[in-house]
Amino acid sequence: MNEKKSKRREKKKRKVKEERKVKEERKVKEEKNERGNKSEREKKSEKEKKTEERKENMEMGNLAALLQNVMIWKV
């Protein structure tokens, strides 16, 4: 009888160990996914910043061209 109990206990211990291992693996995967999502967000924000800078540069270029035209017409 003691042998049966000890076998059951061992089985339970193994099962618990396996469950812990699976939980740990899931946790690690989730952390990796979160890191990946963060980097994607950062990339998007960088792209948005670059496009804003380009727009500003184009506007400044247009303003400079207008200024030159005005200066030419004044002379």
PDB file of N, CA and C in Angstrom:
ATOM      1  N   MET A   1       0.797  -1.188   0.000  1.00  0.00           N
ATOM      2  CA  MET A   1       0.000   0.000   0.000  1.00  0.00           C
ATOM      3  C   MET A   1       0.851   1.268   0.000  1.00  0.00           C
ATOM      4  N   ASN A   2       1.902   1.209   0.778  1.00  0.00           N
ATOM      5  CA  ASN A   2       2.804   2.353   0.822  1.00  0.00           C
ATOM      6  C   ASN A   2       3.445   2.609  -0.534  1.00  0.00           C
ATOM      7  N   GLU A   3       3.708   1.521  -1.245  1.00  0.00           N
ATOM      8  CA  GLU A   3       4.310   1.669  -2.573  1.00  0.00           C
ATOM      9  C   GLU A   3       3.366   2.398  -3.525  1.00  0.00           C
ATOM     10  N   LYS A   4       2.086   2.070  -3.445  1.00  0.00           N
ATOM     11  CA  LYS A   4       1.105   2.722  -4.307  1.00  0.00           C
ATOM     12  C   LYS A   4       1.039   4.208  -3.998  1.00  0.00           C
ATOM     13  N   LYS A   5       1.032   4.520  -2.716  1.00  0.00           N
ATOM     14  CA  LYS A   5       0.970   5.924  -2.308  1.00  0.00           C
ATOM     15  C   LYS A   5       2.203   6.678  -2.774  1.00  0.00           C
ATOM     16  N   SER A   6       3.351   6.034  -2.602  1.00  0.00           N
ATOM     17  CA  SER A   6       4.586   6.706  -3.010  1.00  0.00           C
ATOM     18  C   SER A   6       4.618   6.904  -4.527  1.00  0.00           C
ATOM     19  N   LYS A   7       4.115   5.937  -5.281  1.00  0.00           N
ATOM     20  CA  LYS A   7       4.063   6.071  -6.740  1.00  0.00           C
ATOM     21  C   LYS A   7       3.129   7.209  -7.138  1.00  0.00           C
ATOM     22  N   ARG A   8       1.996   7.280  -6.461  1.00  0.00           N
ATOM     23  CA  ARG A   8       1.047   8.360  -6.743  1.00  0.00           C
ATOM     24  C   ARG A   8       1.681   9.718  -6.452  1.00  0.00           C
ATOM     25  N   ARG A   9       2.372   9.785  -5.336  1.00  0.00           N
ATOM     26  CA  ARG A   9       3.039  11.038  -4.964  1.00  0.00           C
ATOM     27  C   ARG A   9       4.064  11.436  -6.010  1.00  0.00           C
ATOM     28  N   GLU A  10       4.845  10.438  -6.427  1.00  0.00           N
ATOM     29  CA  GLU A  10       5.858  10.714  -7.448  1.00  0.00           C
ATOM     30  C   GLU A  10       5.209  11.195  -8.747  1.00  0.00           C
ATOM     31  N   LYS A  11       4.104  10.540  -9.102  1.00  0.00           N
ATOM     32  CA  LYS A  11       3.389  10.944 -10.305  1.00  0.00           C
ATOM     33  C   LYS A  11       2.915  12.384 -10.193  1.00  0.00           C
ATOM     34  N   LYS A  12       2.349  12.703  -9.037  1.00  0.00           N
ATOM     35  CA  LYS A  12       1.868  14.065  -8.806  1.00  0.00           C
ATOM     36  C   LYS A  12       3.005  15.063  -8.886  1.00  0.00           C
ATOM     37  N   LYS A  13       4.128  14.711  -8.271  1.00  0.00           N
ATOM     38  CA  LYS A  13       5.293  15.602  -8.287  1.00  0.00           C
ATOM     39  C   LYS A  13       5.751  15.855  -9.717  1.00  0.00           C
ATOM     40  N   ARG A  14       5.810  14.798 -10.516  1.00  0.00           N
ATOM     41  CA  ARG A  14       6.223  14.944 -11.912  1.00  0.00           C
ATOM     42  C   ARG A  14       5.257  15.853 -12.672  1.00  0.00           C
ATOM     43  N   LYS A  15       3.972  15.598 -12.424  1.00  0.00           N
ATOM     44  CA  LYS A  15       2.954  16.396 -13.106  1.00  0.00           C
ATOM     45  C   LYS A  15       3.082  17.870 -12.739  1.00  0.00           C
ATOM     46  N   VAL A  16       3.273  18.132 -11.464  1.00  0.00           N
ATOM     47  CA  VAL A  16       3.423  19.508 -10.999  1.00  0.00           C
ATOM     48  C   VAL A  16       4.659  20.141 -11.618  1.00  0.00           C
ATOM     49  N   LYS A  17       5.754  19.400 -11.679  1.00  0.00           N
ATOM     50  CA  LYS A  17       6.990  19.911 -12.283  1.00  0.00           C
ATOM     51  C   LYS A  17       6.768  20.259 -13.753  1.00  0.00           C
ATOM     52  N   GLU A  18       6.082  19.357 -14.456  1.00  0.00           N
ATOM     53  CA  GLU A  18       5.818  19.602 -15.870  1.00  0.00           C
ATOM     54  C   GLU A  18       4.951  20.849 -16.056  1.00  0.00           C
ATOM     55  N   GLU A  19       3.931  20.979 -15.213  1.00  0.00           N
ATOM     56  CA  GLU A  19       3.054  22.150 -15.300  1.00  0.00           C
ATOM     57  C   GLU A  19       3.835  23.435 -15.044  1.00  0.00           C
ATOM     58  N   ARG A  20       4.697  23.407 -14.060  1.00  0.00           N
ATOM     59  CA  ARG A  20       5.524  24.583 -13.767  1.00  0.00           C
ATOM     60  C   ARG A  20       6.402  24.935 -14.955  1.00  0.00           C
ATOM     61  N   LYS A  21       6.975  23.891 -15.542  1.00  0.00           N
ATOM     62  CA  LYS A  21       7.855  24.105 -16.686  1.00  0.00           C
ATOM     63  C   LYS A  21       7.086  24.746 -17.846  1.00  0.00           C
ATOM     64  N   VAL A  22       5.893  24.222 -18.108  1.00  0.00           N
ATOM     65  CA  VAL A  22       5.066  24.757 -19.189  1.00  0.00           C
ATOM     66  C   VAL A  22       4.701  26.212 -18.899  1.00  0.00           C
ATOM     67  N   LYS A  23       4.324  26.510 -17.665  1.00  0.00           N
ATOM     68  CA  LYS A  23       3.978  27.881 -17.284  1.00  0.00           C
ATOM     69  C   LYS A  23       5.160  28.814 -17.485  1.00  0.00           C
ATOM     70  N   GLU A  24       6.329  28.354 -17.087  1.00  0.00           N
ATOM     71  CA  GLU A  24       7.540  29.172 -17.231  1.00  0.00           C
ATOM     72  C   GLU A  24       7.830  29.449 -18.708  1.00  0.00           C
ATOM     73  N   GLU A  25       7.680  28.419 -19.539  1.00  0.00           N
ATOM     74  CA  GLU A  25       7.916  28.593 -20.974  1.00  0.00           C
ATOM     75  C   GLU A  25       6.934  29.598 -21.572  1.00  0.00           C
ATOM     76  N   ARG A  26       5.674  29.497 -21.174  1.00  0.00           N
ATOM     77  CA  ARG A  26       4.665  30.444 -21.661  1.00  0.00           C
ATOM     78  C   ARG A  26       5.024  31.861 -21.246  1.00  0.00           C
ATOM     79  N   LYS A  27       5.451  31.990 -20.010  1.00  0.00           N
ATOM     80  CA  LYS A  27       5.810  33.308 -19.489  1.00  0.00           C
ATOM     81  C   LYS A  27       6.943  33.917 -20.311  1.00  0.00           C
ATOM     82  N   VAL A  28       7.947  33.099 -20.596  1.00  0.00           N
ATOM     83  CA  VAL A  28       9.090  33.571 -21.384  1.00  0.00           C
ATOM     84  C   VAL A  28       8.635  33.996 -22.781  1.00  0.00           C
ATOM     85  N   LYS A  29       7.761  33.193 -23.395  1.00  0.00           N
ATOM     86  CA  LYS A  29       7.261  33.532 -24.732  1.00  0.00           C
ATOM     87  C   LYS A  29       6.500  34.849 -24.711  1.00  0.00           C
ATOM     88  N   GLU A  30       5.666  35.026 -23.695  1.00  0.00           N
ATOM     89  CA  GLU A  30       4.895  36.269 -23.585  1.00  0.00           C
ATOM     90  C   GLU A  30       5.821  37.473 -23.429  1.00  0.00           C
ATOM     91  N   GLU A  31       6.866  37.321 -22.628  1.00  0.00           N
ATOM     92  CA  GLU A  31       7.818  38.415 -22.438  1.00  0.00           C
ATOM     93  C   GLU A  31       8.495  38.769 -23.755  1.00  0.00           C
ATOM     94  N   LYS A  32       8.859  37.744 -24.511  1.00  0.00           N
ATOM     95  CA  LYS A  32       9.501  37.994 -25.804  1.00  0.00           C
ATOM     96  C   LYS A  32       8.542  38.720 -26.742  1.00  0.00           C
ATOM     97  N   ASN A  33       7.281  38.297 -26.730  1.00  0.00           N
ATOM     98  CA  ASN A  33       6.285  38.960 -27.580  1.00  0.00           C
ATOM     99  C   ASN A  33       6.121  40.419 -27.184  1.00  0.00           C
ATOM    100  N   GLU A  34       6.093  40.690 -25.893  1.00  0.00           N
ATOM    101  CA  GLU A  34       5.953  42.064 -25.423  1.00  0.00           C
ATOM    102  C   GLU A  34       7.131  42.909 -25.878  1.00  0.00           C
ATOM    103  N   ARG A  35       8.322  42.339 -25.774  1.00  0.00           N
ATOM    104  CA  ARG A  35       9.513  43.070 -26.222  1.00  0.00           C
ATOM    105  C   ARG A  35       9.408  43.382 -27.707  1.00  0.00           C
ATOM    106  N   GLY A  36       8.963  42.386 -28.471  1.00  0.00           N
ATOM    107  CA  GLY A  36       8.807  42.581 -29.910  1.00  0.00           C
ATOM    108  C   GLY A  36       7.801  43.669 -30.221  1.00  0.00           C
ATOM    109  N   ASN A  37       6.695  43.670 -29.503  1.00  0.00           N
ATOM    110  CA  ASN A  37       5.674  44.699 -29.715  1.00  0.00           C
ATOM    111  C   ASN A  37       6.210  46.076 -29.385  1.00  0.00           C
ATOM    112  N   LYS A  38       6.986  46.173 -28.333  1.00  0.00           N
ATOM    113  CA  LYS A  38       7.551  47.465 -27.953  1.00  0.00           C
ATOM    114  C   LYS A  38       8.465  47.981 -29.055  1.00  0.00           C
ATOM    115  N   SER A  39       9.286  47.094 -29.585  1.00  0.00           N
ATOM    116  CA  SER A  39      10.214  47.547 -30.619  1.00  0.00           C
ATOM    117  C   SER A  39       9.449  47.992 -31.868  1.00  0.00           C
ATOM    118  N   GLU A  40       8.342  47.314 -32.172  1.00  0.00           N
ATOM    119  CA  GLU A  40       7.535  47.732 -33.316  1.00  0.00           C
ATOM    120  C   GLU A  40       6.953  49.117 -33.078  1.00  0.00           C
ATOM    121  N   ARG A  41       6.489  49.352 -31.856  1.00  0.00           N
ATOM    122  CA  ARG A  41       5.941  50.665 -31.522  1.00  0.00           C
ATOM    123  C   ARG A  41       7.009  51.734 -31.669  1.00  0.00           C
ATOM    124  N   GLU A  42       8.206  51.418 -31.190  1.00  0.00           N
ATOM    125  CA  GLU A  42       9.304  52.380 -31.292  1.00  0.00           C
ATOM    126  C   GLU A  42       9.617  52.674 -32.752  1.00  0.00           C
ATOM    127  N   LYS A  43       9.613  51.643 -33.576  1.00  0.00           N
ATOM    128  CA  LYS A  43       9.888  51.836 -35.002  1.00  0.00           C
ATOM    129  C   LYS A  43       8.837  52.743 -35.629  1.00  0.00           C
ATOM    130  N   LYS A  44       7.577  52.503 -35.268  1.00  0.00           N
ATOM    131  CA  LYS A  44       6.501  53.325 -35.825  1.00  0.00           C
ATOM    132  C   LYS A  44       6.664  54.772 -35.402  1.00  0.00           C
ATOM    133  N   SER A  45       6.994  54.975 -34.135  1.00  0.00           N
ATOM    134  CA  SER A  45       7.147  56.353 -33.668  1.00  0.00           C
ATOM    135  C   SER A  45       8.332  57.025 -34.362  1.00  0.00           C
ATOM    136  N   GLU A  46       9.398  56.282 -34.598  1.00  0.00           N
ATOM    137  CA  GLU A  46      10.548  56.842 -35.310  1.00  0.00           C
ATOM    138  C   GLU A  46      10.157  57.222 -36.738  1.00  0.00           C
ATOM    139  N   LYS A  47       9.382  56.360 -37.383  1.00  0.00           N
ATOM    140  CA  LYS A  47       8.936  56.658 -38.745  1.00  0.00           C
ATOM    141  C   LYS A  47       8.083  57.919 -38.760  1.00  0.00           C
ATOM    142  N   GLU A  48       7.194  58.011 -37.775  1.00  0.00           N
ATOM    143  CA  GLU A  48       6.338  59.198 -37.702  1.00  0.00           C
ATOM    144  C   GLU A  48       7.173  60.458 -37.499  1.00  0.00           C
ATOM    145  N   LYS A  49       8.190  60.377 -36.654  1.00  0.00           N
ATOM    146  CA  LYS A  49       9.065  61.531 -36.421  1.00  0.00           C
ATOM    147  C   LYS A  49       9.761  61.936 -37.716  1.00  0.00           C
ATOM    148  N   LYS A  50      10.255  60.944 -38.444  1.00  0.00           N
ATOM    149  CA  LYS A  50      10.956  61.238 -39.696  1.00  0.00           C
ATOM    150  C   LYS A  50      10.026  61.898 -40.708  1.00  0.00           C
ATOM    151  N   THR A  51       8.806  61.396 -40.796  1.00  0.00           N
ATOM    152  CA  THR A  51       7.877  62.004 -41.750  1.00  0.00           C
ATOM    153  C   THR A  51       7.546  63.434 -41.345  1.00  0.00           C
ATOM    154  N   GLU A  52       7.405  63.679 -40.059  1.00  0.00           N
ATOM    155  CA  GLU A  52       7.159  65.051 -39.590  1.00  0.00           C
ATOM    156  C   GLU A  52       8.321  65.964 -39.956  1.00  0.00           C
ATOM    157  N   GLU A  53       9.542  65.469 -39.760  1.00  0.00           N
ATOM    158  CA  GLU A  53      10.724  66.262 -40.096  1.00  0.00           C
ATOM    159  C   GLU A  53      10.750  66.572 -41.595  1.00  0.00           C
ATOM    160  N   ARG A  54      10.422  65.569 -42.401  1.00  0.00           N
ATOM    161  CA  ARG A  54      10.403  65.778 -43.855  1.00  0.00           C
ATOM    162  C   ARG A  54       9.380  66.841 -44.237  1.00  0.00           C
ATOM    163  N   LYS A  55       8.200  66.736 -43.628  1.00  0.00           N
ATOM    164  CA  LYS A  55       7.164  67.738 -43.920  1.00  0.00           C
ATOM    165  C   LYS A  55       7.639  69.133 -43.550  1.00  0.00           C
ATOM    166  N   GLU A  56       8.242  69.252 -42.378  1.00  0.00           N
ATOM    167  CA  GLU A  56       8.741  70.555 -41.935  1.00  0.00           C
ATOM    168  C   GLU A  56       9.810  71.080 -42.888  1.00  0.00           C
ATOM    169  N   ASN A  57      10.718  70.197 -43.298  1.00  0.00           N
ATOM    170  CA  ASN A  57      11.770  70.611 -44.231  1.00  0.00           C
ATOM    171  C   ASN A  57      11.177  71.084 -45.560  1.00  0.00           C
ATOM    172  N   MET A  58      10.160  70.365 -46.037  1.00  0.00           N
ATOM    173  CA  MET A  58       9.521  70.771 -47.288  1.00  0.00           C
ATOM    174  C   MET A  58       8.855  72.131 -47.128  1.00  0.00           C
ATOM    175  N   GLU A  59       8.185  72.328 -46.011  1.00  0.00           N
ATOM    176  CA  GLU A  59       7.525  73.612 -45.770  1.00  0.00           C
ATOM    177  C   GLU A  59       8.545  74.742 -45.708  1.00  0.00           C
ATOM    178  N   MET A  60       9.655  74.481 -45.029  1.00  0.00           N
ATOM    179  CA  MET A  60      10.698  75.508 -44.935  1.00  0.00           C
ATOM    180  C   MET A  60      11.271  75.808 -46.310  1.00  0.00           C
ATOM    181  N   GLY A  61      11.452  74.780 -47.112  1.00  0.00           N
ATOM    182  CA  GLY A  61      11.944  74.972 -48.472  1.00  0.00           C
ATOM    183  C   GLY A  61      10.975  75.804 -49.293  1.00  0.00           C
ATOM    184  N   ASN A  62       9.688  75.495 -49.148  1.00  0.00           N
ATOM    185  CA  ASN A  62       8.667  76.270 -49.873  1.00  0.00           C
ATOM    186  C   ASN A  62       8.671  77.726 -49.425  1.00  0.00           C
ATOM    187  N   LEU A  63       8.793  77.941 -48.130  1.00  0.00           N
ATOM    188  CA  LEU A  63       8.823  79.311 -47.618  1.00  0.00           C
ATOM    189  C   LEU A  63      10.049  80.065 -48.133  1.00  0.00           C
ATOM    190  N   ALA A  64      11.173  79.368 -48.177  1.00  0.00           N
ATOM    191  CA  ALA A  64      12.396  80.005 -48.675  1.00  0.00           C
ATOM    192  C   ALA A  64      12.229  80.387 -50.147  1.00  0.00           C
ATOM    193  N   ALA A  65      11.613  79.496 -50.918  1.00  0.00           N
ATOM    194  CA  ALA A  65      11.394  79.785 -52.335  1.00  0.00           C
ATOM    195  C   ALA A  65      10.458  80.979 -52.501  1.00  0.00           C
ATOM    196  N   LEU A  66       9.411  81.030 -51.692  1.00  0.00           N
ATOM    197  CA  LEU A  66       8.489  82.169 -51.753  1.00  0.00           C
ATOM    198  C   LEU A  66       9.200  83.467 -51.416  1.00  0.00           C
ATOM    199  N   LEU A  67      10.029  83.404 -50.396  1.00  0.00           N
ATOM    200  CA  LEU A  67      10.779  84.595 -49.990  1.00  0.00           C
ATOM    201  C   LEU A  67      11.663  85.085 -51.130  1.00  0.00           C
ATOM    202  N   GLN A  68      12.328  84.151 -51.796  1.00  0.00           N
ATOM    203  CA  GLN A  68      13.193  84.524 -52.914  1.00  0.00           C
ATOM    204  C   GLN A  68      12.376  85.169 -54.030  1.00  0.00           C
ATOM    205  N   ASN A  69      11.205  84.602 -54.309  1.00  0.00           N
ATOM    206  CA  ASN A  69      10.345  85.180 -55.354  1.00  0.00           C
ATOM    207  C   ASN A  69       9.924  86.595 -54.987  1.00  0.00           C
ATOM    208  N   VAL A  70       9.572  86.796 -53.737  1.00  0.00           N
ATOM    209  CA  VAL A  70       9.162  88.126 -53.291  1.00  0.00           C
ATOM    210  C   VAL A  70      10.321  89.098 -53.420  1.00  0.00           C
ATOM    211  N   MET A  71      11.502  88.642 -53.036  1.00  0.00           N
ATOM    212  CA  MET A  71      12.687  89.504 -53.115  1.00  0.00           C
ATOM    213  C   MET A  71      12.957  89.887 -54.569  1.00  0.00           C
ATOM    214  N   ILE A  72      12.787  88.943 -55.476  1.00  0.00           N
ATOM    215  CA  ILE A  72      13.027  89.216 -56.894  1.00  0.00           C
ATOM    216  C   ILE A  72      12.023  90.245 -57.396  1.00  0.00           C
ATOM    217  N   TRP A  73      10.772  90.093 -57.034  1.00  0.00           N
ATOM    218  CA  TRP A  73       9.732  91.012 -57.501  1.00  0.00           C
ATOM    219  C   TRP A  73       9.896  92.406 -56.916  1.00  0.00           C
ATOM    220  N   LYS A  74      10.452  92.470 -55.719  1.00  0.00           N
ATOM    221  CA  LYS A  74      10.651  93.783 -55.101  1.00  0.00           C
ATOM    222  C   LYS A  74      11.743  94.561 -55.820  1.00  0.00           C
ATOM    223  N   VAL A  75      12.733  93.869 -56.324  1.00  0.00           N
ATOM    224  CA  VAL A  75      13.861  94.529 -56.976  1.00  0.00           C
ATOM    225  C   VAL A  75      13.471  94.901 -58.345  1.00  0.00           C
TER     226      VAL A  75
END
